[in-house]
Full PDB file with SEQRES, HELIX, SHEET, SSBOND, CRYST1, ORIGX, SCALE, CONECT and MASTER records, all heavy atoms in Angstrom:
SEQRES   1 A   36  GLU PHE ALA ALA SER GLU ALA GLY ALA GLU ILE PHE GLY          
SEQRES   2 A   36  ARG GLN TYR ARG ARG VAL TYR ALA ALA CYS LYS ARG HIS          
SEQRES   3 A   36  GLU ILE LYS VAL LEU ALA GLY MET VAL THR                      
HELIX    1 AA1 PHE A    2  ALA A    4  5                                   3    
HELIX    2 AA2 GLU A    6  PHE A   12  1                                   7    
HELIX    3 AA3 ARG A   14  ALA A   32  1                                  19    
CRYST1    1.000    1.000    1.000  90.00  90.00  90.00 P 1           1          
ORIGX1      1.000000  0.000000  0.000000        0.00000                         
ORIGX2      0.000000  1.000000  0.000000        0.00000                         
ORIGX3      0.000000  0.000000  1.000000        0.00000                         
SCALE1      1.000000  0.000000  0.000000        0.00000                         
SCALE2      0.000000  1.000000  0.000000        0.00000                         
SCALE3      0.000000  0.000000  1.000000        0.00000                         
ATOM      1  N   GLU A   1       0.835  -1.202   0.000  1.00  0.00           N  
ATOM      2  CA  GLU A   1       0.000   0.000   0.000  1.00  0.00           C  
ATOM      3  C   GLU A   1       0.871   1.252   0.000  1.00  0.00           C  
ATOM      4  O   GLU A   1       0.574   2.226  -0.693  1.00  0.00           O  
ATOM      5  CB  GLU A   1      -0.955   0.026   1.188  1.00  0.00           C  
ATOM      6  CG  GLU A   1      -1.797   1.294   1.199  1.00  0.00           C  
ATOM      7  CD  GLU A   1      -3.117   1.177   1.919  1.00  0.00           C  
ATOM      8  OE1 GLU A   1      -3.453   0.081   2.393  1.00  0.00           O  
ATOM      9  OE2 GLU A   1      -3.829   2.201   2.005  1.00  0.00           O  
ATOM     10  N   PHE A   2       1.959   1.226   0.771  1.00  0.00           N  
ATOM     11  CA  PHE A   2       2.856   2.379   0.765  1.00  0.00           C  
ATOM     12  C   PHE A   2       3.465   2.584  -0.622  1.00  0.00           C  
ATOM     13  O   PHE A   2       3.610   3.727  -1.086  1.00  0.00           O  
ATOM     14  CB  PHE A   2       3.964   2.204   1.802  1.00  0.00           C  
ATOM     15  CG  PHE A   2       4.976   3.316   1.790  1.00  0.00           C  
ATOM     16  CD1 PHE A   2       4.692   4.549   2.358  1.00  0.00           C  
ATOM     17  CD2 PHE A   2       6.213   3.140   1.181  1.00  0.00           C  
ATOM     18  CE1 PHE A   2       5.614   5.586   2.330  1.00  0.00           C  
ATOM     19  CE2 PHE A   2       7.150   4.177   1.147  1.00  0.00           C  
ATOM     20  CZ  PHE A   2       6.839   5.400   1.724  1.00  0.00           C  
ATOM     21  N   ALA A   3       3.833   1.503  -1.287  1.00  0.00           N  
ATOM     22  CA  ALA A   3       4.468   1.598  -2.609  1.00  0.00           C  
ATOM     23  C   ALA A   3       3.582   2.299  -3.622  1.00  0.00           C  
ATOM     24  O   ALA A   3       4.082   2.924  -4.567  1.00  0.00           O  
ATOM     25  CB  ALA A   3       4.838   0.200  -3.110  1.00  0.00           C  
ATOM     26  N   ALA A   4       2.261   2.217  -3.436  1.00  0.00           N  
ATOM     27  CA  ALA A   4       1.324   2.865  -4.352  1.00  0.00           C  
ATOM     28  C   ALA A   4       0.707   4.122  -3.764  1.00  0.00           C  
ATOM     29  O   ALA A   4      -0.179   4.723  -4.384  1.00  0.00           O  
ATOM     30  CB  ALA A   4       0.219   1.876  -4.713  1.00  0.00           C  
ATOM     31  N   SER A   5       1.179   4.539  -2.607  1.00  0.00           N  
ATOM     32  CA  SER A   5       0.539   5.617  -1.858  1.00  0.00           C  
ATOM     33  C   SER A   5       0.845   6.990  -2.443  1.00  0.00           C  
ATOM     34  O   SER A   5       2.005   7.370  -2.604  1.00  0.00           O  
ATOM     35  CB  SER A   5       1.022   5.575  -0.401  1.00  0.00           C  
ATOM     36  OG  SER A   5       0.747   6.774   0.270  1.00  0.00           O  
ATOM     37  N   GLU A   6      -0.206   7.753  -2.719  1.00  0.00           N  
ATOM     38  CA  GLU A   6      -0.005   9.133  -3.147  1.00  0.00           C  
ATOM     39  C   GLU A   6       0.491   9.989  -1.990  1.00  0.00           C  
ATOM     40  O   GLU A   6       1.295  10.899  -2.186  1.00  0.00           O  
ATOM     41  CB  GLU A   6      -1.292   9.701  -3.727  1.00  0.00           C  
ATOM     42  CG  GLU A   6      -1.625   9.164  -5.111  1.00  0.00           C  
ATOM     43  CD  GLU A   6      -0.484   9.396  -6.101  1.00  0.00           C  
ATOM     44  OE1 GLU A   6       0.047  10.527  -6.163  1.00  0.00           O  
ATOM     45  OE2 GLU A   6      -0.125   8.445  -6.815  1.00  0.00           O  
ATOM     46  N   ALA A   7       0.022   9.713  -0.795  1.00  0.00           N  
ATOM     47  CA  ALA A   7       0.541  10.445   0.368  1.00  0.00           C  
ATOM     48  C   ALA A   7       2.015  10.166   0.559  1.00  0.00           C  
ATOM     49  O   ALA A   7       2.805  11.061   0.894  1.00  0.00           O  
ATOM     50  CB  ALA A   7      -0.249  10.070   1.624  1.00  0.00           C  
ATOM     51  N   GLY A   8       2.428   8.915   0.358  1.00  0.00           N  
ATOM     52  CA  GLY A   8       3.846   8.577   0.466  1.00  0.00           C  
ATOM     53  C   GLY A   8       4.692   9.334  -0.537  1.00  0.00           C  
ATOM     54  O   GLY A   8       5.777   9.817  -0.223  1.00  0.00           O  
ATOM     55  N   ALA A   9       4.179   9.466  -1.780  1.00  0.00           N  
ATOM     56  CA  ALA A   9       4.909  10.209  -2.800  1.00  0.00           C  
ATOM     57  C   ALA A   9       4.936  11.691  -2.476  1.00  0.00           C  
ATOM     58  O   ALA A   9       5.960  12.368  -2.672  1.00  0.00           O  
ATOM     59  CB  ALA A   9       4.267   9.985  -4.168  1.00  0.00           C  
ATOM     60  N   GLU A  10       3.824  12.239  -1.970  1.00  0.00           N  
ATOM     61  CA  GLU A  10       3.759  13.662  -1.658  1.00  0.00           C  
ATOM     62  C   GLU A  10       4.687  14.025  -0.504  1.00  0.00           C  
ATOM     63  O   GLU A  10       5.326  15.073  -0.521  1.00  0.00           O  
ATOM     64  CB  GLU A  10       2.318  14.034  -1.308  1.00  0.00           C  
ATOM     65  CG  GLU A  10       2.119  15.517  -1.019  1.00  0.00           C  
ATOM     66  CD  GLU A  10       0.666  15.888  -0.800  1.00  0.00           C  
ATOM     67  OE1 GLU A  10      -0.222  15.131  -1.237  1.00  0.00           O  
ATOM     68  OE2 GLU A  10       0.409  16.938  -0.180  1.00  0.00           O  
ATOM     69  N   ILE A  11       4.769  13.168   0.481  1.00  0.00           N  
ATOM     70  CA  ILE A  11       5.565  13.477   1.679  1.00  0.00           C  
ATOM     71  C   ILE A  11       7.036  13.171   1.469  1.00  0.00           C  
ATOM     72  O   ILE A  11       7.907  13.969   1.844  1.00  0.00           O  
ATOM     73  CB  ILE A  11       5.015  12.686   2.889  1.00  0.00           C  
ATOM     74  CG1 ILE A  11       3.600  13.162   3.227  1.00  0.00           C  
ATOM     75  CG2 ILE A  11       5.930  12.836   4.103  1.00  0.00           C  
ATOM     76  CD1 ILE A  11       2.854  12.250   4.189  1.00  0.00           C  
ATOM     77  N   PHE A  12       7.343  12.029   0.874  1.00  0.00           N  
ATOM     78  CA  PHE A  12       8.733  11.576   0.771  1.00  0.00           C  
ATOM     79  C   PHE A  12       9.333  11.726  -0.620  1.00  0.00           C  
ATOM     80  O   PHE A  12      10.555  11.613  -0.768  1.00  0.00           O  
ATOM     81  CB  PHE A  12       8.830  10.102   1.205  1.00  0.00           C  
ATOM     82  CG  PHE A  12       8.449   9.866   2.637  1.00  0.00           C  
ATOM     83  CD1 PHE A  12       7.205   9.360   2.964  1.00  0.00           C  
ATOM     84  CD2 PHE A  12       9.328  10.176   3.660  1.00  0.00           C  
ATOM     85  CE1 PHE A  12       6.843   9.153   4.289  1.00  0.00           C  
ATOM     86  CE2 PHE A  12       8.979   9.978   4.978  1.00  0.00           C  
ATOM     87  CZ  PHE A  12       7.742   9.469   5.296  1.00  0.00           C  
ATOM     88  N   GLY A  13       8.510  11.956  -1.633  1.00  0.00           N  
ATOM     89  CA  GLY A  13       8.989  11.984  -3.008  1.00  0.00           C  
ATOM     90  C   GLY A  13       8.915  10.596  -3.617  1.00  0.00           C  
ATOM     91  O   GLY A  13       9.069   9.583  -2.929  1.00  0.00           O  
ATOM     92  N   ARG A  14       8.691  10.524  -4.915  1.00  0.00           N  
ATOM     93  CA  ARG A  14       8.515   9.234  -5.583  1.00  0.00           C  
ATOM     94  C   ARG A  14       9.794   8.401  -5.562  1.00  0.00           C  
ATOM     95  O   ARG A  14       9.747   7.175  -5.451  1.00  0.00           O  
ATOM     96  CB  ARG A  14       8.024   9.438  -7.018  1.00  0.00           C  
ATOM     97  CG  ARG A  14       6.617  10.029  -7.061  1.00  0.00           C  
ATOM     98  CD  ARG A  14       6.021  10.083  -8.450  1.00  0.00           C  
ATOM     99  NE  ARG A  14       4.704  10.701  -8.402  1.00  0.00           N  
ATOM    100  CZ  ARG A  14       3.584  10.058  -8.061  1.00  0.00           C  
ATOM    101  NH1 ARG A  14       3.629   8.762  -7.798  1.00  0.00           N  
ATOM    102  NH2 ARG A  14       2.427  10.697  -8.019  1.00  0.00           N  
ATOM    103  N   GLN A  15      10.958   9.072  -5.644  1.00  0.00           N  
ATOM    104  CA  GLN A  15      12.210   8.317  -5.610  1.00  0.00           C  
ATOM    105  C   GLN A  15      12.384   7.604  -4.277  1.00  0.00           C  
ATOM    106  O   GLN A  15      12.737   6.427  -4.222  1.00  0.00           O  
ATOM    107  CB  GLN A  15      13.400   9.262  -5.837  1.00  0.00           C  
ATOM    108  CG  GLN A  15      13.551   9.762  -7.249  1.00  0.00           C  
ATOM    109  CD  GLN A  15      14.668  10.783  -7.324  1.00  0.00           C  
ATOM    110  OE1 GLN A  15      14.465  11.959  -7.042  1.00  0.00           O  
ATOM    111  NE2 GLN A  15      15.852  10.343  -7.684  1.00  0.00           N  
ATOM    112  N   TYR A  16      12.131   8.343  -3.198  1.00  0.00           N  
ATOM    113  CA  TYR A  16      12.331   7.730  -1.892  1.00  0.00           C  
ATOM    114  C   TYR A  16      11.286   6.653  -1.645  1.00  0.00           C  
ATOM    115  O   TYR A  16      11.603   5.585  -1.095  1.00  0.00           O  
ATOM    116  CB  TYR A  16      12.278   8.763  -0.772  1.00  0.00           C  
ATOM    117  CG  TYR A  16      12.837   8.195   0.525  1.00  0.00           C  
ATOM    118  CD1 TYR A  16      14.202   8.161   0.751  1.00  0.00           C  
ATOM    119  CD2 TYR A  16      11.990   7.644   1.487  1.00  0.00           C  
ATOM    120  CE1 TYR A  16      14.713   7.598   1.898  1.00  0.00           C  
ATOM    121  CE2 TYR A  16      12.494   7.079   2.642  1.00  0.00           C  
ATOM    122  CZ  TYR A  16      13.864   7.062   2.840  1.00  0.00           C  
ATOM    123  OH  TYR A  16      14.366   6.480   3.983  1.00  0.00           O  
ATOM    124  N   ARG A  17      10.044   6.896  -2.047  1.00  0.00           N  
ATOM    125  CA  ARG A  17       9.001   5.877  -1.880  1.00  0.00           C  
ATOM    126  C   ARG A  17       9.399   4.590  -2.586  1.00  0.00           C  
ATOM    127  O   ARG A  17       9.236   3.477  -2.037  1.00  0.00           O  
ATOM    128  CB  ARG A  17       7.676   6.410  -2.433  1.00  0.00           C  
ATOM    129  CG  ARG A  17       6.484   5.495  -2.185  1.00  0.00           C  
ATOM    130  CD  ARG A  17       5.242   5.962  -2.929  1.00  0.00           C  
ATOM    131  NE  ARG A  17       5.405   5.866  -4.381  1.00  0.00           N  
ATOM    132  CZ  ARG A  17       4.441   6.099  -5.255  1.00  0.00           C  
ATOM    133  NH1 ARG A  17       3.232   6.474  -4.836  1.00  0.00           N  
ATOM    134  NH2 ARG A  17       4.658   5.992  -6.555  1.00  0.00           N  
ATOM    135  N   ARG A  18       9.921   4.697  -3.790  1.00  0.00           N  
ATOM    136  CA  ARG A  18      10.326   3.508  -4.548  1.00  0.00           C  
ATOM    137  C   ARG A  18      11.443   2.751  -3.852  1.00  0.00           C  
ATOM    138  O   ARG A  18      11.394   1.522  -3.705  1.00  0.00           O  
ATOM    139  CB  ARG A  18      10.782   3.918  -5.956  1.00  0.00           C  
ATOM    140  CG  ARG A  18      11.271   2.762  -6.816  1.00  0.00           C  
ATOM    141  CD  ARG A  18      11.916   3.244  -8.098  1.00  0.00           C  
ATOM    142  NE  ARG A  18      13.150   3.990  -7.855  1.00  0.00           N  
ATOM    143  CZ  ARG A  18      14.327   3.431  -7.580  1.00  0.00           C  
ATOM    144  NH1 ARG A  18      14.447   2.102  -7.506  1.00  0.00           N  
ATOM    145  NH2 ARG A  18      15.393   4.176  -7.395  1.00  0.00           N  
ATOM    146  N   VAL A  19      12.478   3.466  -3.395  1.00  0.00           N  
ATOM    147  CA  VAL A  19      13.628   2.824  -2.763  1.00  0.00           C  
ATOM    148  C   VAL A  19      13.237   2.184  -1.432  1.00  0.00           C  
ATOM    149  O   VAL A  19      13.646   1.062  -1.116  1.00  0.00           O  
ATOM    150  CB  VAL A  19      14.775   3.851  -2.575  1.00  0.00           C  
ATOM    151  CG1 VAL A  19      15.848   3.319  -1.642  1.00  0.00           C  
ATOM    152  CG2 VAL A  19      15.376   4.194  -3.933  1.00  0.00           C  
ATOM    153  N   TYR A  20      12.413   2.888  -0.667  1.00  0.00           N  
ATOM    154  CA  TYR A  20      11.973   2.332   0.618  1.00  0.00           C  
ATOM    155  C   TYR A  20      11.199   1.039   0.392  1.00  0.00           C  
ATOM    156  O   TYR A  20      11.450   0.016   1.058  1.00  0.00           O  
ATOM    157  CB  TYR A  20      11.108   3.355   1.354  1.00  0.00           C  
ATOM    158  CG  TYR A  20      10.730   2.932   2.754  1.00  0.00           C  
ATOM    159  CD1 TYR A  20      11.549   3.237   3.837  1.00  0.00           C  
ATOM    160  CD2 TYR A  20       9.553   2.225   3.007  1.00  0.00           C  
ATOM    161  CE1 TYR A  20      11.208   2.842   5.126  1.00  0.00           C  
ATOM    162  CE2 TYR A  20       9.209   1.822   4.287  1.00  0.00           C  
ATOM    163  CZ  TYR A  20      10.042   2.142   5.342  1.00  0.00           C  
ATOM    164  OH  TYR A  20       9.714   1.747   6.619  1.00  0.00           O  
ATOM    165  N   ALA A  21      10.258   1.053  -0.535  1.00  0.00           N  
ATOM    166  CA  ALA A  21       9.466  -0.141  -0.807  1.00  0.00           C  
ATOM    167  C   ALA A  21      10.341  -1.277  -1.319  1.00  0.00           C  
ATOM    168  O   ALA A  21      10.142  -2.450  -0.945  1.00  0.00           O  
ATOM    169  CB  ALA A  21       8.361   0.176  -1.813  1.00  0.00           C  
ATOM    170  N   ALA A  22      11.336  -0.967  -2.149  1.00  0.00           N  
ATOM    171  CA  ALA A  22      12.226  -2.008  -2.673  1.00  0.00           C  
ATOM    172  C   ALA A  22      13.005  -2.667  -1.545  1.00  0.00           C  
ATOM    173  O   ALA A  22      13.163  -3.900  -1.522  1.00  0.00           O  
ATOM    174  CB  ALA A  22      13.177  -1.407  -3.706  1.00  0.00           C  
ATOM    175  N   CYS A  23      13.501  -1.870  -0.605  1.00  0.00           N  
ATOM    176  CA  CYS A  23      14.247  -2.434   0.529  1.00  0.00           C  
ATOM    177  C   CYS A  23      13.358  -3.324   1.375  1.00  0.00           C  
ATOM    178  O   CYS A  23      13.762  -4.413   1.799  1.00  0.00           O  
ATOM    179  CB  CYS A  23      14.826  -1.313   1.391  1.00  0.00           C  
ATOM    180  SG  CYS A  23      16.285  -0.523   0.691  1.00  0.00           S  
ATOM    181  N   LYS A  24      12.138  -2.874   1.640  1.00  0.00           N  
ATOM    182  CA  LYS A  24      11.246  -3.660   2.487  1.00  0.00           C  
ATOM    183  C   LYS A  24      10.780  -4.936   1.795  1.00  0.00           C  
ATOM    184  O   LYS A  24      10.664  -5.994   2.427  1.00  0.00           O  
ATOM    185  CB  LYS A  24      10.063  -2.807   2.929  1.00  0.00           C  
ATOM    186  CG  LYS A  24      10.475  -1.669   3.851  1.00  0.00           C  
ATOM    187  CD  LYS A  24      11.201  -2.197   5.081  1.00  0.00           C  
ATOM    188  CE  LYS A  24      12.039  -1.164   5.787  1.00  0.00           C  
ATOM    189  NZ  LYS A  24      12.806  -1.719   6.906  1.00  0.00           N  
ATOM    190  N   ARG A  25      10.522  -4.876   0.493  1.00  0.00           N  
ATOM    191  CA  ARG A  25      10.173  -6.101  -0.235  1.00  0.00           C  
ATOM    192  C   ARG A  25      11.309  -7.112  -0.165  1.00  0.00           C  
ATOM    193  O   ARG A  25      11.084  -8.320  -0.014  1.00  0.00           O  
ATOM    194  CB  ARG A  25       9.859  -5.765  -1.693  1.00  0.00           C  
ATOM    195  CG  ARG A  25       8.517  -5.082  -1.913  1.00  0.00           C  
ATOM    196  CD  ARG A  25       8.417  -4.608  -3.339  1.00  0.00           C  
ATOM    197  NE  ARG A  25       7.121  -4.027  -3.673  1.00  0.00           N  
ATOM    198  CZ  ARG A  25       6.956  -3.024  -4.510  1.00  0.00           C  
ATOM    199  NH1 ARG A  25       8.015  -2.490  -5.126  1.00  0.00           N  
ATOM    200  NH2 ARG A  25       5.749  -2.554  -4.762  1.00  0.00           N  
ATOM    201  N   HIS A  26      12.529  -6.608  -0.288  1.00  0.00           N  
ATOM    202  CA  HIS A  26      13.694  -7.484  -0.204  1.00  0.00           C  
ATOM    203  C   HIS A  26      13.782  -8.146   1.172  1.00  0.00           C  
ATOM    204  O   HIS A  26      13.999  -9.366   1.274  1.00  0.00           O  
ATOM    205  CB  HIS A  26      14.960  -6.658  -0.479  1.00  0.00           C  
ATOM    206  CG  HIS A  26      16.230  -7.327  -0.063  1.00  0.00           C  
ATOM    207  ND1 HIS A  26      16.852  -8.300  -0.813  1.00  0.00           N  
ATOM    208  CD2 HIS A  26      16.999  -7.161   1.055  1.00  0.00           C  
ATOM    209  CE1 HIS A  26      17.944  -8.717  -0.191  1.00  0.00           C  
ATOM    210  NE2 HIS A  26      18.056  -8.038   0.937  1.00  0.00           N  
ATOM    211  N   GLU A  27      13.590  -7.369   2.240  1.00  0.00           N  
ATOM    212  CA  GLU A  27      13.653  -7.938   3.589  1.00  0.00           C  
ATOM    213  C   GLU A  27      12.545  -8.966   3.806  1.00  0.00           C  
ATOM    214  O   GLU A  27      12.767 -10.016   4.430  1.00  0.00           O  
ATOM    215  CB  GLU A  27      13.553  -6.820   4.625  1.00  0.00           C  
ATOM    216  CG  GLU A  27      14.767  -5.902   4.647  1.00  0.00           C  
ATOM    217  CD  GLU A  27      14.644  -4.748   5.627  1.00  0.00           C  
ATOM    218  OE1 GLU A  27      13.629  -4.688   6.362  1.00  0.00           O  
ATOM    219  OE2 GLU A  27      15.543  -3.911   5.657  1.00  0.00           O  
ATOM    220  N   ILE A  28      11.347  -8.679   3.286  1.00  0.00           N  
ATOM    221  CA  ILE A  28      10.238  -9.625   3.395  1.00  0.00           C  
ATOM    222  C   ILE A  28      10.580 -10.937   2.695  1.00  0.00           C  
ATOM    223  O   ILE A  28      10.332 -12.029   3.219  1.00  0.00           O  
ATOM    224  CB  ILE A  28       8.956  -9.004   2.809  1.00  0.00           C  
ATOM    225  CG1 ILE A  28       8.458  -7.874   3.710  1.00  0.00           C  
ATOM    226  CG2 ILE A  28       7.862 -10.052   2.636  1.00  0.00           C  
ATOM    227  CD1 ILE A  28       7.398  -6.998   3.082  1.00  0.00           C  
ATOM    228  N   LYS A  29      11.157 -10.839   1.515  1.00  0.00           N  
ATOM    229  CA  LYS A  29      11.520 -12.038   0.752  1.00  0.00           C  
ATOM    230  C   LYS A  29      12.532 -12.884   1.507  1.00  0.00           C  
ATOM    231  O   LYS A  29      12.413 -14.122   1.578  1.00  0.00           O  
ATOM    232  CB  LYS A  29      12.079 -11.627  -0.613  1.00  0.00           C  
ATOM    233  CG  LYS A  29      12.453 -12.792  -1.504  1.00  0.00           C  
ATOM    234  CD  LYS A  29      12.965 -12.303  -2.853  1.00  0.00           C  
ATOM    235  CE  LYS A  29      13.370 -13.471  -3.744  1.00  0.00           C  
ATOM    236  NZ  LYS A  29      13.870 -13.002  -5.071  1.00  0.00           N  
ATOM    237  N   VAL A  30      13.530 -12.239   2.105  1.00  0.00           N  
ATOM    238  CA  VAL A  30      14.550 -12.986   2.852  1.00  0.00           C  
ATOM    239  C   VAL A  30      13.932 -13.679   4.060  1.00  0.00           C  
ATOM    240  O   VAL A  30      14.154 -14.870   4.304  1.00  0.00           O  
ATOM    241  CB  VAL A  30      15.686 -12.042   3.301  1.00  0.00           C  
ATOM    242  CG1 VAL A  30      16.639 -12.771   4.244  1.00  0.00           C  
ATOM    243  CG2 VAL A  30      16.454 -11.522   2.083  1.00  0.00           C  
ATOM    244  N   LEU A  31      13.135 -12.950   4.824  1.00  0.00           N  
ATOM    245  CA  LEU A  31      12.552 -13.534   6.035  1.00  0.00           C  
ATOM    246  C   LEU A  31      11.512 -14.596   5.711  1.00  0.00           C  
ATOM    247  O   LEU A  31      11.358 -15.573   6.463  1.00  0.00           O  
ATOM    248  CB  LEU A  31      11.933 -12.429   6.896  1.00  0.00           C  
ATOM    249  CG  LEU A  31      12.950 -11.513   7.585  1.00  0.00           C  
ATOM    250  CD1 LEU A  31      12.251 -10.321   8.233  1.00  0.00           C  
ATOM    251  CD2 LEU A  31      13.737 -12.278   8.635  1.00  0.00           C  
ATOM    252  N   ALA A  32      10.808 -14.429   4.593  1.00  0.00           N  
ATOM    253  CA  ALA A  32       9.821 -15.440   4.210  1.00  0.00           C  
ATOM    254  C   ALA A  32      10.476 -16.778   3.889  1.00  0.00           C  
ATOM    255  O   ALA A  32       9.829 -17.825   3.970  1.00  0.00           O  
ATOM    256  CB  ALA A  32       9.010 -14.956   3.010  1.00  0.00           C  
ATOM    257  N   GLY A  33      11.750 -16.772   3.559  1.00  0.00           N  
ATOM    258  CA  GLY A  33      12.469 -18.007   3.263  1.00  0.00           C  
ATOM    259  C   GLY A  33      13.037 -18.699   4.485  1.00  0.00           C  
ATOM    260  O   GLY A  33      13.676 -19.745   4.359  1.00  0.00           O  
ATOM    261  N   MET A  34      12.817 -18.114   5.663  1.00  0.00           N  
ATOM    262  CA  MET A  34      13.342 -18.705   6.909  1.00  0.00           C  
ATOM    263  C   MET A  34      12.211 -19.405   7.654  1.00  0.00           C  
ATOM    264  O   MET A  34      11.252 -18.756   8.087  1.00  0.00           O  
ATOM    265  CB  MET A  34      13.952 -17.611   7.786  1.00  0.00           C  
ATOM    266  CG  MET A  34      15.121 -16.889   7.164  1.00  0.00           C  
ATOM    267  SD  MET A  34      15.755 -15.597   8.283  1.00  0.00           S  
ATOM    268  CE  MET A  34      17.067 -14.910   7.267  1.00  0.00           C  
ATOM    269  N   VAL A  35      12.311 -20.720   7.800  1.00  0.00           N  
ATOM    270  CA  VAL A  35      11.323 -21.487   8.556  1.00  0.00           C  
ATOM    271  C   VAL A  35      11.727 -21.451  10.026  1.00  0.00           C  
ATOM    272  O   VAL A  35      12.863 -21.749  10.385  1.00  0.00           O  
ATOM    273  CB  VAL A  35      11.241 -22.930   8.047  1.00  0.00           C  
ATOM    274  CG1 VAL A  35      10.183 -23.709   8.814  1.00  0.00           C  
ATOM    275  CG2 VAL A  35      10.941 -22.952   6.552  1.00  0.00           C  
ATOM    276  N   THR A  36      10.791 -21.084  10.898  1.00  0.00           N  
ATOM    277  CA  THR A  36      11.114 -20.872  12.312  1.00  0.00           C  
ATOM    278  C   THR A  36      11.064 -22.178  13.099  1.00  0.00           C  
ATOM    279  O   THR A  36      10.443 -23.167  12.683  1.00  0.00           O  
ATOM    280  CB  THR A  36      10.129 -19.882  12.936  1.00  0.00           C  
ATOM    281  OG1 THR A  36       8.817 -20.475  12.980  1.00  0.00           O  
ATOM    282  CG2 THR A  36      10.078 -18.586  12.141  1.00  0.00           C  
TER     283      THR A  36                                                      
MASTER        0    0    0    3    0    0    0    6  282    1    0    3          
END                                                                             
């Protein structure tokens, strides 16, 4: 939702919104591969 957020783009800028979402997607992918 943040990655598509107009408020996120207005407050942080589209470049920062994109980079933030990319980092978080990457972290989610890594943690999703860890069985607890």
